[in-house]
Amino acid sequence: MIRFISLLLFLCFVLSACTTAPKGPENAVNLTAQLEKVAEVHQWQMRGKIAFRQGKEAASLNLVWKNDSGDFDFRLTNFLGVSLVNLNVNKNQSVLEADGETYVDALPEPLIYQITKMVIPVKPLLSWVKGLPLEGDKYTLTEKGLVNTLESYCQGCRNWQVTYGNYGSVDLEDGTSVWLPHSITLTQDETPNMPKTQLKIKIYQWTL
């Protein structure tokens, strides 16, 4: 990790959240209909916390993530609301601001690796955070029929395991609703060149 991770660890203050976790559906859902609805959600915003752990390094920060059909703004702040990391991605370029520096690339993955040494599959992650497996992904279901665990298969993003929890009903613009996870854990096991990596996301609010 380079020095901005040390800055995160210094400024980070983990607050205990006074939110009630969603309990999920009372009855089994129609998985086909659920996944079709999730696939149609192209504009969303999530607010919550994200915890990083890679080897012996760790940090926990507030998260605001806005997505519009693949163009997105990913912002991490400390407990005072001060922006520490901001990643803005559109079809033309990716810009990452951290530790007083600005980094630009055509794709977000090289920027994230340059700063954190973590290989994060950004495009698949935009689907995974919604509880939507990609083609070829292996997944298991909860007793209510929602995605419980996921093992990635897509090119360039293998060896990621995703675990979901605390699904909540989120309103859509057409007056219907869809079940979205409020707890997500992404894990990539240790490799010869990379220590074990884990991302935990706790979502307090989804806005579609």
C-alpha atoms as a PDB file:
ATOM      1  CA  MET A   1       0.000   0.000   0.000  1.00  0.00           C
ATOM      2  CA  ILE A   2       1.211   3.500  -0.729  1.00  0.00           C
ATOM      3  CA  ARG A   3       0.931   6.369   1.692  1.00  0.00           C
ATOM      4  CA  PHE A   4      -2.689   7.342   1.036  1.00  0.00           C
ATOM      5  CA  ILE A   5      -3.743   4.122   2.787  1.00  0.00           C
ATOM      6  CA  SER A   6      -1.843   5.324   5.842  1.00  0.00           C
ATOM      7  CA  LEU A   7      -3.753   8.599   5.613  1.00  0.00           C
ATOM      8  CA  LEU A   8      -7.039   6.691   5.534  1.00  0.00           C
ATOM      9  CA  LEU A   9      -6.060   4.725   8.627  1.00  0.00           C
ATOM     10  CA  PHE A  10      -5.135   7.933  10.470  1.00  0.00           C
ATOM     11  CA  LEU A  11      -8.280   9.881   9.576  1.00  0.00           C
ATOM     12  CA  CYS A  12     -10.693   6.985   9.782  1.00  0.00           C
ATOM     13  CA  PHE A  13     -13.185   6.942  12.629  1.00  0.00           C
ATOM     14  CA  VAL A  14     -15.603   4.036  12.708  1.00  0.00           C
ATOM     15  CA  LEU A  15     -19.031   5.102  13.937  1.00  0.00           C
ATOM     16  CA  SER A  16     -21.563   2.624  15.255  1.00  0.00           C
ATOM     17  CA  ALA A  17     -24.588   2.797  12.975  1.00  0.00           C
ATOM     18  CA  CYS A  18     -28.021   3.104  14.533  1.00  0.00           C
ATOM     19  CA  THR A  19     -29.818   1.682  11.503  1.00  0.00           C
ATOM     20  CA  THR A  20     -32.043  -1.340  11.463  1.00  0.00           C
ATOM     21  CA  ALA A  21     -31.007  -4.010   8.965  1.00  0.00           C
ATOM     22  CA  PRO A  22     -33.737  -5.029   6.489  1.00  0.00           C
ATOM     23  CA  LYS A  23     -35.226  -8.442   7.211  1.00  0.00           C
ATOM     24  CA  GLY A  24     -35.822  -9.511   3.611  1.00  0.00           C
ATOM     25  CA  PRO A  25     -38.925 -11.058   2.085  1.00  0.00           C
ATOM     26  CA  GLU A  26     -41.353 -13.077   4.189  1.00  0.00           C
ATOM     27  CA  ASN A  27     -42.169 -15.358   1.262  1.00  0.00           C
ATOM     28  CA  ALA A  28     -40.070 -16.873  -1.510  1.00  0.00           C
ATOM     29  CA  VAL A  29     -39.502 -14.585  -4.502  1.00  0.00           C
ATOM     30  CA  ASN A  30     -39.625 -15.396  -8.198  1.00  0.00           C
ATOM     31  CA  LEU A  31     -35.898 -15.484  -9.022  1.00  0.00           C
ATOM     32  CA  THR A  32     -36.371 -14.941 -12.768  1.00  0.00           C
ATOM     33  CA  ALA A  33     -38.544 -11.878 -12.233  1.00  0.00           C
ATOM     34  CA  GLN A  34     -36.186 -10.590  -9.518  1.00  0.00           C
ATOM     35  CA  LEU A  35     -33.073 -10.830 -11.711  1.00  0.00           C
ATOM     36  CA  GLU A  36     -34.886  -9.255 -14.670  1.00  0.00           C
ATOM     37  CA  LYS A  37     -35.842  -6.281 -12.510  1.00  0.00           C
ATOM     38  CA  VAL A  38     -32.340  -5.926 -11.098  1.00  0.00           C
ATOM     39  CA  ALA A  39     -30.843  -6.049 -14.610  1.00  0.00           C
ATOM     40  CA  GLU A  40     -33.053  -3.100 -15.597  1.00  0.00           C
ATOM     41  CA  VAL A  41     -31.744  -0.919 -12.744  1.00  0.00           C
ATOM     42  CA  HIS A  42     -29.181   1.263 -14.521  1.00  0.00           C
ATOM     43  CA  GLN A  43     -29.362   4.404 -12.368  1.00  0.00           C
ATOM     44  CA  TRP A  44     -28.787   4.068  -8.645  1.00  0.00           C
ATOM     45  CA  GLN A  45     -27.128   5.575  -5.614  1.00  0.00           C
ATOM     46  CA  MET A  46     -25.977   3.820  -2.453  1.00  0.00           C
ATOM     47  CA  ARG A  47     -24.907   5.310   0.861  1.00  0.00           C
ATOM     48  CA  GLY A  48     -23.155   3.376   3.567  1.00  0.00           C
ATOM     49  CA  LYS A  49     -19.739   2.237   4.751  1.00  0.00           C
ATOM     50  CA  ILE A  50     -16.983   0.232   3.134  1.00  0.00           C
ATOM     51  CA  ALA A  51     -14.184  -1.615   4.880  1.00  0.00           C
ATOM     52  CA  PHE A  52     -11.001  -2.624   3.048  1.00  0.00           C
ATOM     53  CA  ARG A  53      -8.616  -5.313   4.177  1.00  0.00           C
ATOM     54  CA  GLN A  54      -5.591  -6.545   2.265  1.00  0.00           C
ATOM     55  CA  GLY A  55      -3.042  -8.546   4.202  1.00  0.00           C
ATOM     56  CA  LYS A  56      -2.313  -6.551   7.371  1.00  0.00           C
ATOM     57  CA  GLU A  57      -3.632  -3.263   5.949  1.00  0.00           C
ATOM     58  CA  ALA A  58      -7.186  -2.163   6.758  1.00  0.00           C
ATOM     59  CA  ALA A  59      -9.417   0.915   6.590  1.00  0.00           C
ATOM     60  CA  SER A  60     -13.107   1.742   7.022  1.00  0.00           C
ATOM     61  CA  LEU A  61     -14.758   4.793   5.461  1.00  0.00           C
ATOM     62  CA  ASN A  62     -18.113   6.306   4.551  1.00  0.00           C
ATOM     63  CA  LEU A  63     -19.259   5.588   1.001  1.00  0.00           C
ATOM     64  CA  VAL A  64     -21.422   7.388  -1.537  1.00  0.00           C
ATOM     65  CA  TRP A  65     -21.628   5.654  -4.916  1.00  0.00           C
ATOM     66  CA  LYS A  66     -23.705   7.067  -7.775  1.00  0.00           C
ATOM     67  CA  ASN A  67     -24.072   5.085 -10.999  1.00  0.00           C
ATOM     68  CA  ASP A  68     -25.694   6.045 -14.297  1.00  0.00           C
ATOM     69  CA  SER A  69     -25.473   3.228 -16.856  1.00  0.00           C
ATOM     70  CA  GLY A  70     -21.793   2.581 -16.119  1.00  0.00           C
ATOM     71  CA  ASP A  71     -20.737   6.208 -15.668  1.00  0.00           C
ATOM     72  CA  PHE A  72     -20.258   6.683 -11.953  1.00  0.00           C
ATOM     73  CA  ASP A  73     -18.878   8.686  -9.069  1.00  0.00           C
ATOM     74  CA  PHE A  74     -17.413   6.710  -6.162  1.00  0.00           C
ATOM     75  CA  ARG A  75     -16.604   8.824  -3.121  1.00  0.00           C
ATOM     76  CA  LEU A  76     -15.047   7.891   0.233  1.00  0.00           C
ATOM     77  CA  THR A  77     -15.165  10.311   3.154  1.00  0.00           C
ATOM     78  CA  ASN A  78     -14.075  10.380   6.782  1.00  0.00           C
ATOM     79  CA  PHE A  79     -16.455  10.851   9.716  1.00  0.00           C
ATOM     80  CA  LEU A  80     -16.366  14.633   9.208  1.00  0.00           C
ATOM     81  CA  GLY A  81     -17.573  14.262   5.620  1.00  0.00           C
ATOM     82  CA  VAL A  82     -14.211  15.276   4.165  1.00  0.00           C
ATOM     83  CA  SER A  83     -13.610  13.595   0.804  1.00  0.00           C
ATOM     84  CA  LEU A  84     -10.503  11.388   0.895  1.00  0.00           C
ATOM     85  CA  VAL A  85     -10.937   9.425  -2.322  1.00  0.00           C
ATOM     86  CA  ASN A  86     -13.034  10.288  -5.354  1.00  0.00           C
ATOM     87  CA  LEU A  87     -13.211   8.159  -8.494  1.00  0.00           C
ATOM     88  CA  ASN A  88     -15.164   9.560 -11.428  1.00  0.00           C
ATOM     89  CA  VAL A  89     -15.653   7.325 -14.452  1.00  0.00           C
ATOM     90  CA  ASN A  90     -17.289   8.051 -17.791  1.00  0.00           C
ATOM     91  CA  LYS A  91     -16.990   6.621 -21.285  1.00  0.00           C
ATOM     92  CA  ASN A  92     -14.073   8.933 -22.097  1.00  0.00           C
ATOM     93  CA  GLN A  93     -11.806   8.677 -19.062  1.00  0.00           C
ATOM     94  CA  SER A  94     -11.400   7.747 -15.417  1.00  0.00           C
ATOM     95  CA  VAL A  95     -10.160  10.283 -12.862  1.00  0.00           C
ATOM     96  CA  LEU A  96      -9.086   9.327  -9.339  1.00  0.00           C
ATOM     97  CA  GLU A  97      -8.281  11.918  -6.671  1.00  0.00           C
ATOM     98  CA  ALA A  98      -6.548  10.806  -3.482  1.00  0.00           C
ATOM     99  CA  ASP A  99      -3.974  12.172  -1.056  1.00  0.00           C
ATOM    100  CA  GLY A 100      -3.907  15.530  -2.859  1.00  0.00           C
ATOM    101  CA  GLU A 101      -3.007  13.939  -6.182  1.00  0.00           C
ATOM    102  CA  THR A 102      -5.030  13.416  -9.381  1.00  0.00           C
ATOM    103  CA  TYR A 103      -4.599  10.350 -11.586  1.00  0.00           C
ATOM    104  CA  VAL A 104      -6.109   9.889 -15.042  1.00  0.00           C
ATOM    105  CA  ASP A 105      -6.480   6.800 -17.223  1.00  0.00           C
ATOM    106  CA  ALA A 106      -8.847   5.462 -19.849  1.00  0.00           C
ATOM    107  CA  LEU A 107     -10.021   2.720 -17.469  1.00  0.00           C
ATOM    108  CA  PRO A 108     -10.585   2.738 -13.697  1.00  0.00           C
ATOM    109  CA  GLU A 109      -8.888  -0.589 -12.917  1.00  0.00           C
ATOM    110  CA  PRO A 110      -5.295   0.613 -13.586  1.00  0.00           C
ATOM    111  CA  LEU A 111      -5.886   3.683 -11.397  1.00  0.00           C
ATOM    112  CA  ILE A 112      -7.200   1.630  -8.497  1.00  0.00           C
ATOM    113  CA  TYR A 113      -4.270  -0.761  -8.777  1.00  0.00           C
ATOM    114  CA  GLN A 114      -1.761   2.114  -8.982  1.00  0.00           C
ATOM    115  CA  ILE A 115      -3.084   3.626  -5.761  1.00  0.00           C
ATOM    116  CA  THR A 116      -4.098   0.608  -3.683  1.00  0.00           C
ATOM    117  CA  LYS A 117      -2.377  -2.385  -5.362  1.00  0.00           C
ATOM    118  CA  MET A 118      -5.801  -4.041  -5.422  1.00  0.00           C
ATOM    119  CA  VAL A 119      -7.147  -5.616  -8.623  1.00  0.00           C
ATOM    120  CA  ILE A 120     -10.827  -4.622  -8.534  1.00  0.00           C
ATOM    121  CA  PRO A 121     -13.074  -5.757 -11.425  1.00  0.00           C
ATOM    122  CA  VAL A 122     -15.059  -2.530 -11.670  1.00  0.00           C
ATOM    123  CA  LYS A 123     -17.505  -3.382 -14.468  1.00  0.00           C
ATOM    124  CA  PRO A 124     -18.609  -6.718 -12.946  1.00  0.00           C
ATOM    125  CA  LEU A 125     -18.833  -5.040  -9.546  1.00  0.00           C
ATOM    126  CA  LEU A 126     -21.539  -2.700 -10.856  1.00  0.00           C
ATOM    127  CA  SER A 127     -23.722  -5.791 -11.312  1.00  0.00           C
ATOM    128  CA  TRP A 128     -22.532  -7.753  -8.288  1.00  0.00           C
ATOM    129  CA  VAL A 129     -23.403  -5.005  -5.779  1.00  0.00           C
ATOM    130  CA  LYS A 130     -27.030  -5.277  -6.916  1.00  0.00           C
ATOM    131  CA  GLY A 131     -27.076  -9.037  -6.357  1.00  0.00           C
ATOM    132  CA  LEU A 132     -26.953  -9.741 -10.082  1.00  0.00           C
ATOM    133  CA  PRO A 133     -24.718 -12.626 -11.242  1.00  0.00           C
ATOM    134  CA  LEU A 134     -23.014 -12.349 -14.616  1.00  0.00           C
ATOM    135  CA  GLU A 135     -23.009 -15.023 -17.290  1.00  0.00           C
ATOM    136  CA  GLY A 136     -20.924 -17.963 -16.114  1.00  0.00           C
ATOM    137  CA  ASP A 137     -20.927 -16.929 -12.447  1.00  0.00           C
ATOM    138  CA  LYS A 138     -21.767 -19.713 -10.024  1.00  0.00           C
ATOM    139  CA  TYR A 139     -24.227 -18.770  -7.295  1.00  0.00           C
ATOM    140  CA  THR A 140     -26.323 -20.153  -4.482  1.00  0.00           C
ATOM    141  CA  LEU A 141     -29.687 -18.952  -3.206  1.00  0.00           C
ATOM    142  CA  THR A 142     -31.173 -18.098   0.166  1.00  0.00           C
ATOM    143  CA  GLU A 143     -34.194 -20.020   1.381  1.00  0.00           C
ATOM    144  CA  LYS A 144     -36.323 -17.152  -0.002  1.00  0.00           C
ATOM    145  CA  GLY A 145     -34.815 -17.497  -3.472  1.00  0.00           C
ATOM    146  CA  LEU A 146     -32.441 -14.505  -3.522  1.00  0.00           C
ATOM    147  CA  VAL A 147     -28.751 -14.716  -4.431  1.00  0.00           C
ATOM    148  CA  ASN A 148     -26.816 -15.727  -1.320  1.00  0.00           C
ATOM    149  CA  THR A 149     -23.253 -16.348  -2.560  1.00  0.00           C
ATOM    150  CA  LEU A 150     -21.523 -15.810  -5.889  1.00  0.00           C
ATOM    151  CA  GLU A 151     -18.281 -17.062  -7.376  1.00  0.00           C
ATOM    152  CA  SER A 152     -16.981 -15.064 -10.333  1.00  0.00           C
ATOM    153  CA  TYR A 153     -16.045 -16.568 -13.665  1.00  0.00           C
ATOM    154  CA  CYS A 154     -15.795 -13.610 -16.069  1.00  0.00           C
ATOM    155  CA  GLN A 155     -12.547 -12.937 -17.911  1.00  0.00           C
ATOM    156  CA  GLY A 156     -10.152 -10.926 -15.762  1.00  0.00           C
ATOM    157  CA  CYS A 157     -12.227 -11.205 -12.598  1.00  0.00           C
ATOM    158  CA  ARG A 158     -11.981 -14.821 -11.521  1.00  0.00           C
ATOM    159  CA  ASN A 159     -11.372 -15.959  -7.956  1.00  0.00           C
ATOM    160  CA  TRP A 160     -13.724 -13.403  -6.399  1.00  0.00           C
ATOM    161  CA  GLN A 161     -16.322 -14.674  -3.949  1.00  0.00           C
ATOM    162  CA  VAL A 162     -19.309 -12.517  -3.039  1.00  0.00           C
ATOM    163  CA  THR A 163     -21.600 -13.035  -0.050  1.00  0.00           C
ATOM    164  CA  TYR A 164     -24.896 -11.174   0.355  1.00  0.00           C
ATOM    165  CA  GLY A 165     -27.101 -10.351   3.334  1.00  0.00           C
ATOM    166  CA  ASN A 166     -29.926  -8.157   4.627  1.00  0.00           C
ATOM    167  CA  TYR A 167     -31.954  -7.801   1.442  1.00  0.00           C
ATOM    168  CA  GLY A 168     -34.418  -4.912   1.535  1.00  0.00           C
ATOM    169  CA  SER A 169     -37.276  -3.841  -0.720  1.00  0.00           C
ATOM    170  CA  VAL A 170     -36.359  -0.709  -2.732  1.00  0.00           C
ATOM    171  CA  ASP A 171     -38.937   1.304  -4.672  1.00  0.00           C
ATOM    172  CA  LEU A 172     -38.682   1.715  -8.435  1.00  0.00           C
ATOM    173  CA  GLU A 173     -39.942   4.697 -10.436  1.00  0.00           C
ATOM    174  CA  ASP A 174     -42.827   2.680 -11.897  1.00  0.00           C
ATOM    175  CA  GLY A 175     -44.304   2.101  -8.449  1.00  0.00           C
ATOM    176  CA  THR A 176     -43.060  -1.469  -8.088  1.00  0.00           C
ATOM    177  CA  SER A 177     -40.079  -2.569  -5.994  1.00  0.00           C
ATOM    178  CA  VAL A 178     -37.033  -4.806  -6.174  1.00  0.00           C
ATOM    179  CA  TRP A 179     -34.993  -6.643  -3.532  1.00  0.00           C
ATOM    180  CA  LEU A 180     -31.448  -5.279  -3.144  1.00  0.00           C
ATOM    181  CA  PRO A 181     -28.716  -6.380  -0.707  1.00  0.00           C
ATOM    182  CA  HIS A 182     -27.695  -4.116   2.173  1.00  0.00           C
ATOM    183  CA  SER A 183     -24.670  -6.176   3.182  1.00  0.00           C
ATOM    184  CA  ILE A 184     -22.038  -7.366   0.689  1.00  0.00           C
ATOM    185  CA  THR A 185     -18.680  -9.031   1.290  1.00  0.00           C
ATOM    186  CA  LEU A 186     -16.233  -9.523  -1.588  1.00  0.00           C
ATOM    187  CA  THR A 187     -13.224 -11.745  -1.034  1.00  0.00           C
ATOM    188  CA  GLN A 188     -10.279 -12.695  -3.243  1.00  0.00           C
ATOM    189  CA  ASP A 189      -8.045 -15.406  -1.805  1.00  0.00           C
ATOM    190  CA  GLU A 190      -4.311 -14.987  -1.454  1.00  0.00           C
ATOM    191  CA  THR A 191      -2.201 -15.587  -4.574  1.00  0.00           C
ATOM    192  CA  PRO A 192       1.601 -15.813  -4.999  1.00  0.00           C
ATOM    193  CA  ASN A 193       1.703 -12.108  -5.906  1.00  0.00           C
ATOM    194  CA  MET A 194      -1.193 -10.755  -3.840  1.00  0.00           C
ATOM    195  CA  PRO A 195      -2.321 -11.109  -0.219  1.00  0.00           C
ATOM    196  CA  LYS A 196      -5.931 -11.955   0.566  1.00  0.00           C
ATOM    197  CA  THR A 197      -8.225  -9.032  -0.248  1.00  0.00           C
ATOM    198  CA  GLN A 198     -11.621  -8.359   1.315  1.00  0.00           C
ATOM    199  CA  LEU A 199     -14.157  -5.578   0.801  1.00  0.00           C
ATOM    200  CA  LYS A 200     -17.164  -5.280   3.080  1.00  0.00           C
ATOM    201  CA  ILE A 201     -19.961  -2.917   2.088  1.00  0.00           C
ATOM    202  CA  LYS A 202     -22.788  -2.020   4.453  1.00  0.00           C
ATOM    203  CA  ILE A 203     -25.504  -0.071   2.672  1.00  0.00           C
ATOM    204  CA  TYR A 204     -27.783   2.203   4.683  1.00  0.00           C
ATOM    205  CA  GLN A 205     -29.757   3.533   1.725  1.00  0.00           C
ATOM    206  CA  TRP A 206     -30.444   2.627  -1.893  1.00  0.00           C
ATOM    207  CA  THR A 207     -31.977   5.271  -4.195  1.00  0.00           C
ATOM    208  CA  LEU A 208     -33.103   4.223  -7.676  1.00  0.00           C
END
